[in-house]
C-alpha atoms as a PDB file:
ATOM      1  CA  MET A   1      -0.131   0.061  -0.553  1.00  0.00           C
ATOM      2  CA  SER A   2       1.467   3.489  -0.958  1.00  0.00           C
ATOM      3  CA  THR A   3       0.673   6.575   1.563  1.00  0.00           C
ATOM      4  CA  PHE A   4       0.595  10.362  -0.400  1.00  0.00           C
ATOM      5  CA  LYS A   5       0.817  12.880   2.379  1.00  0.00           C
ATOM      6  CA  SER A   6      -0.527  17.030   1.516  1.00  0.00           C
ATOM      7  CA  SER A   7       1.738  19.589   3.201  1.00  0.00           C
ATOM      8  CA  GLU A   8      -0.534  20.882   6.500  1.00  0.00           C
ATOM      9  CA  LYS A   9      -2.674  23.104   5.844  1.00  0.00           C
ATOM     10  CA  ILE A  10      -4.615  25.584   8.867  1.00  0.00           C
ATOM     11  CA  ILE A  11      -7.998  26.225   8.900  1.00  0.00           C
ATOM     12  CA  ALA A  12      -9.027  29.034  10.729  1.00  0.00           C
ATOM     13  CA  ALA A  13     -11.755  27.323  12.703  1.00  0.00           C
ATOM     14  CA  PRO A  14     -11.122  25.418  15.843  1.00  0.00           C
ATOM     15  CA  ARG A  15     -10.990  22.009  14.948  1.00  0.00           C
ATOM     16  CA  SER A  16     -13.864  20.470  16.232  1.00  0.00           C
ATOM     17  CA  VAL A  17     -15.685  23.050  13.837  1.00  0.00           C
ATOM     18  CA  VAL A  18     -13.621  21.616  11.712  1.00  0.00           C
ATOM     19  CA  TYR A  19     -15.141  17.579  11.805  1.00  0.00           C
ATOM     20  CA  ALA A  20     -18.147  18.581  12.430  1.00  0.00           C
ATOM     21  CA  ARG A  21     -18.624  19.815   8.780  1.00  0.00           C
ATOM     22  CA  LEU A  22     -16.556  17.835   6.724  1.00  0.00           C
ATOM     23  CA  SER A  23     -18.254  14.418   8.558  1.00  0.00           C
ATOM     24  CA  ASP A  24     -21.890  15.027   7.554  1.00  0.00           C
ATOM     25  CA  LEU A  25     -21.508  15.565   3.948  1.00  0.00           C
ATOM     26  CA  GLU A  26     -25.384  16.552   3.594  1.00  0.00           C
ATOM     27  CA  SER A  27     -23.230  19.716   4.618  1.00  0.00           C
ATOM     28  CA  PHE A  28     -21.930  19.650   1.608  1.00  0.00           C
ATOM     29  CA  ARG A  29     -24.901  19.926  -0.387  1.00  0.00           C
ATOM     30  CA  SER A  30     -25.214  23.804  -0.907  1.00  0.00           C
ATOM     31  CA  LEU A  31     -21.578  24.144  -1.892  1.00  0.00           C
ATOM     32  CA  ALA A  32     -21.952  21.424  -4.833  1.00  0.00           C
ATOM     33  CA  ASP A  33     -25.191  23.186  -5.884  1.00  0.00           C
ATOM     34  CA  ASN A  34     -23.604  26.513  -6.442  1.00  0.00           C
ATOM     35  CA  ILE A  35     -19.892  25.050  -7.887  1.00  0.00           C
ATOM     36  CA  PRO A  36     -18.456  27.530 -10.745  1.00  0.00           C
ATOM     37  CA  GLU A  37     -18.764  26.822 -13.546  1.00  0.00           C
ATOM     38  CA  SER A  38     -14.936  27.088 -14.168  1.00  0.00           C
ATOM     39  CA  ALA A  39     -14.829  24.482 -11.901  1.00  0.00           C
ATOM     40  CA  GLN A  40     -17.889  21.789 -12.230  1.00  0.00           C
ATOM     41  CA  ALA A  41     -15.973  21.938 -15.841  1.00  0.00           C
ATOM     42  CA  GLN A  42     -13.130  19.611 -14.001  1.00  0.00           C
ATOM     43  CA  ILE A  43     -15.132  17.891 -11.737  1.00  0.00           C
ATOM     44  CA  GLY A  44     -18.257  17.792 -13.652  1.00  0.00           C
ATOM     45  CA  ASN A  45     -21.958  16.754 -11.273  1.00  0.00           C
ATOM     46  CA  ILE A  46     -21.753  16.019  -7.584  1.00  0.00           C
ATOM     47  CA  LYS A  47     -23.272  13.866  -6.352  1.00  0.00           C
ATOM     48  CA  ILE A  48     -24.801  13.609  -2.839  1.00  0.00           C
ATOM     49  CA  GLU A  49     -27.424  10.635  -1.082  1.00  0.00           C
ATOM     50  CA  GLY A  50     -26.301   9.796   3.168  1.00  0.00           C
ATOM     51  CA  GLU A  51     -22.614   9.255   3.225  1.00  0.00           C
ATOM     52  CA  THR A  52     -22.065   8.942   0.093  1.00  0.00           C
ATOM     53  CA  ILE A  53     -20.346  11.640  -2.231  1.00  0.00           C
ATOM     54  CA  THR A  54     -20.256  10.707  -6.222  1.00  0.00           C
ATOM     55  CA  LEU A  55     -18.289  12.740  -8.847  1.00  0.00           C
ATOM     56  CA  ASN A  56     -17.927  12.953 -12.279  1.00  0.00           C
ATOM     57  CA  ALA A  57     -14.474  12.793 -12.755  1.00  0.00           C
ATOM     58  CA  LYS A  58     -13.986  12.702 -16.798  1.00  0.00           C
ATOM     59  CA  PRO A  59     -12.973  10.838 -18.341  1.00  0.00           C
ATOM     60  CA  ILE A  60     -12.928   8.246 -15.796  1.00  0.00           C
ATOM     61  CA  GLY A  61     -16.612   8.489 -15.224  1.00  0.00           C
ATOM     62  CA  ASP A  62     -18.105   8.424 -11.494  1.00  0.00           C
ATOM     63  CA  ILE A  63     -16.476   7.722  -8.738  1.00  0.00           C
ATOM     64  CA  SER A  64     -17.440   7.186  -5.613  1.00  0.00           C
ATOM     65  CA  PHE A  65     -16.743   7.898  -2.164  1.00  0.00           C
ATOM     66  CA  GLN A  66     -18.296   6.366   1.269  1.00  0.00           C
ATOM     67  CA  VAL A  67     -17.673   7.586   4.801  1.00  0.00           C
ATOM     68  CA  THR A  68     -16.051   3.861   6.248  1.00  0.00           C
ATOM     69  CA  LYS A  69     -14.439   5.755   9.897  1.00  0.00           C
ATOM     70  CA  ARG A  70     -14.697   8.930  11.560  1.00  0.00           C
ATOM     71  CA  VAL A  71     -12.337   9.471  15.040  1.00  0.00           C
ATOM     72  CA  GLU A  72     -13.839  11.868  16.693  1.00  0.00           C
ATOM     73  CA  ASN A  73     -12.371  15.229  16.245  1.00  0.00           C
ATOM     74  CA  GLU A  74      -9.240  13.421  14.484  1.00  0.00           C
ATOM     75  CA  SER A  75      -9.822  12.332  11.413  1.00  0.00           C
ATOM     76  CA  ILE A  76     -12.753  11.132   8.598  1.00  0.00           C
ATOM     77  CA  ARG A  77     -11.777   8.549   5.908  1.00  0.00           C
ATOM     78  CA  LEU A  78     -13.088   8.343   2.051  1.00  0.00           C
ATOM     79  CA  GLU A  79     -12.568   4.711   0.820  1.00  0.00           C
ATOM     80  CA  THR A  80     -13.613   4.534  -2.703  1.00  0.00           C
ATOM     81  CA  VAL A  81     -17.297   2.524  -3.535  1.00  0.00           C
ATOM     82  CA  THR A  82     -16.595   3.070  -7.616  1.00  0.00           C
ATOM     83  CA  SER A  83     -13.205   3.732  -9.044  1.00  0.00           C
ATOM     84  CA  PRO A  84     -11.158   1.621 -11.191  1.00  0.00           C
ATOM     85  CA  LEU A  85      -8.381   1.513  -8.502  1.00  0.00           C
ATOM     86  CA  PRO A  86      -9.343   1.353  -5.154  1.00  0.00           C
ATOM     87  CA  PHE A  87      -8.642   3.865  -2.657  1.00  0.00           C
ATOM     88  CA  CYS A  88      -8.670   5.829   0.127  1.00  0.00           C
ATOM     89  CA  ILE A  89      -8.418   9.436   1.412  1.00  0.00           C
ATOM     90  CA  THR A  90      -8.026  10.252   5.162  1.00  0.00           C
ATOM     91  CA  VAL A  91      -8.632  14.020   6.258  1.00  0.00           C
ATOM     92  CA  CYS A  92      -6.349  14.550   9.338  1.00  0.00           C
ATOM     93  CA  LEU A  93      -7.442  16.855  12.366  1.00  0.00           C
ATOM     94  CA  ALA A  94      -4.934  18.349  14.631  1.00  0.00           C
ATOM     95  CA  ASP A  95      -5.219  21.621  17.469  1.00  0.00           C
ATOM     96  CA  ASP A  96      -2.752  24.841  15.689  1.00  0.00           C
ATOM     97  CA  SER A  97      -4.119  27.006  18.296  1.00  0.00           C
ATOM     98  CA  GLU A  98      -8.302  27.500  20.576  1.00  0.00           C
ATOM     99  CA  THR A  99      -9.124  28.942  17.290  1.00  0.00           C
ATOM    100  CA  THR A 100      -7.611  27.736  13.916  1.00  0.00           C
ATOM    101  CA  THR A 101      -6.606  23.743  12.916  1.00  0.00           C
ATOM    102  CA  LYS A 102      -4.746  21.939  11.387  1.00  0.00           C
ATOM    103  CA  ALA A 103      -5.154  19.739   8.612  1.00  0.00           C
ATOM    104  CA  HIS A 104      -3.250  16.895   6.494  1.00  0.00           C
ATOM    105  CA  VAL A 105      -4.473  15.209   3.720  1.00  0.00           C
ATOM    106  CA  GLU A 106      -3.462  11.442   2.654  1.00  0.00           C
ATOM    107  CA  ILE A 107      -4.426   8.717  -0.348  1.00  0.00           C
ATOM    108  CA  ALA A 108      -3.461   6.041   0.214  1.00  0.00           C
ATOM    109  CA  ILE A 109      -3.819   3.098  -2.539  1.00  0.00           C
ATOM    110  CA  GLU A 110      -2.343  -0.251  -3.717  1.00  0.00           C
ATOM    111  CA  LEU A 111      -0.214   0.771  -6.980  1.00  0.00           C
ATOM    112  CA  ASN A 112       1.173  -2.323  -9.225  1.00  0.00           C
ATOM    113  CA  PRO A 113       5.075  -1.226  -8.498  1.00  0.00           C
ATOM    114  CA  ILE A 114       5.162  -0.903 -13.439  1.00  0.00           C
ATOM    115  CA  ILE A 115       2.371   1.424 -12.918  1.00  0.00           C
ATOM    116  CA  LYS A 116       3.902   3.629  -9.271  1.00  0.00           C
ATOM    117  CA  PRO A 117       5.787   5.703 -11.394  1.00  0.00           C
ATOM    118  CA  MET A 118       3.978   7.750 -13.737  1.00  0.00           C
ATOM    119  CA  LEU A 119       0.739   8.119 -10.729  1.00  0.00           C
ATOM    120  CA  SER A 120       3.475   8.179  -8.059  1.00  0.00           C
ATOM    121  CA  LYS A 121       3.410  12.867  -8.948  1.00  0.00           C
ATOM    122  CA  PRO A 122      -0.363  12.609 -10.430  1.00  0.00           C
ATOM    123  CA  ILE A 123      -1.485  11.416  -6.899  1.00  0.00           C
ATOM    124  CA  GLN A 124       0.376  12.907  -5.195  1.00  0.00           C
ATOM    125  CA  GLU A 125      -0.451  16.573  -6.729  1.00  0.00           C
ATOM    126  CA  ALA A 126      -4.189  15.008  -5.398  1.00  0.00           C
ATOM    127  CA  ALA A 127      -3.699  14.591  -2.159  1.00  0.00           C
ATOM    128  CA  GLU A 128      -2.269  18.327  -2.427  1.00  0.00           C
ATOM    129  CA  LYS A 129      -5.652  20.267  -4.218  1.00  0.00           C
ATOM    130  CA  PHE A 130      -7.568  18.111  -2.236  1.00  0.00           C
ATOM    131  CA  ALA A 131      -6.043  19.722   0.748  1.00  0.00           C
ATOM    132  CA  GLU A 132      -6.589  23.268  -0.937  1.00  0.00           C
ATOM    133  CA  LEU A 133      -9.879  22.369  -0.781  1.00  0.00           C
ATOM    134  CA  VAL A 134     -10.636  21.837   3.323  1.00  0.00           C
ATOM    135  CA  ALA A 135      -9.035  24.040   3.955  1.00  0.00           C
ATOM    136  CA  THR A 136     -11.229  26.508   1.975  1.00  0.00           C
ATOM    137  CA  ILE A 137     -14.713  25.966   3.063  1.00  0.00           C
ATOM    138  CA  PRO A 138     -16.450  27.780   4.393  1.00  0.00           C
ATOM    139  CA  TYR A 139     -16.338  26.964   8.161  1.00  0.00           C
ATOM    140  CA  LYS A 140     -18.985  28.749  10.942  1.00  0.00           C
ATOM    141  CA  ASN A 141     -18.530  29.091  14.694  1.00  0.00           C
END
């Protein structure tokens, strides 16, 4: 299993608030409905149903993730339900201060040694982009 870890991001909200927002996929419905057209061209349609979120990743097609593990105020794990390569994304949270949170993203994926050199860079970039997304989500206290 290969693990790709993003750089650490600082979020301007307490860890409990960040965890509460990230652990409830339904809270992302309003964000998904208001994605700018420029971003929607890259992401495609986003569908949220309970514990599952589905992205239309062009040209691959639909990739569905399901929340499979929550550790209160520490981490949220999403695992693929439908994907050409099964993998999981874990958002890890830690206190930075009383009003800020440190966060990073880890992507764990089983890669064949032959394709690992080709996919390592894009997967690392995906971890960074996902961490940036987590850091830019509006969190309300």
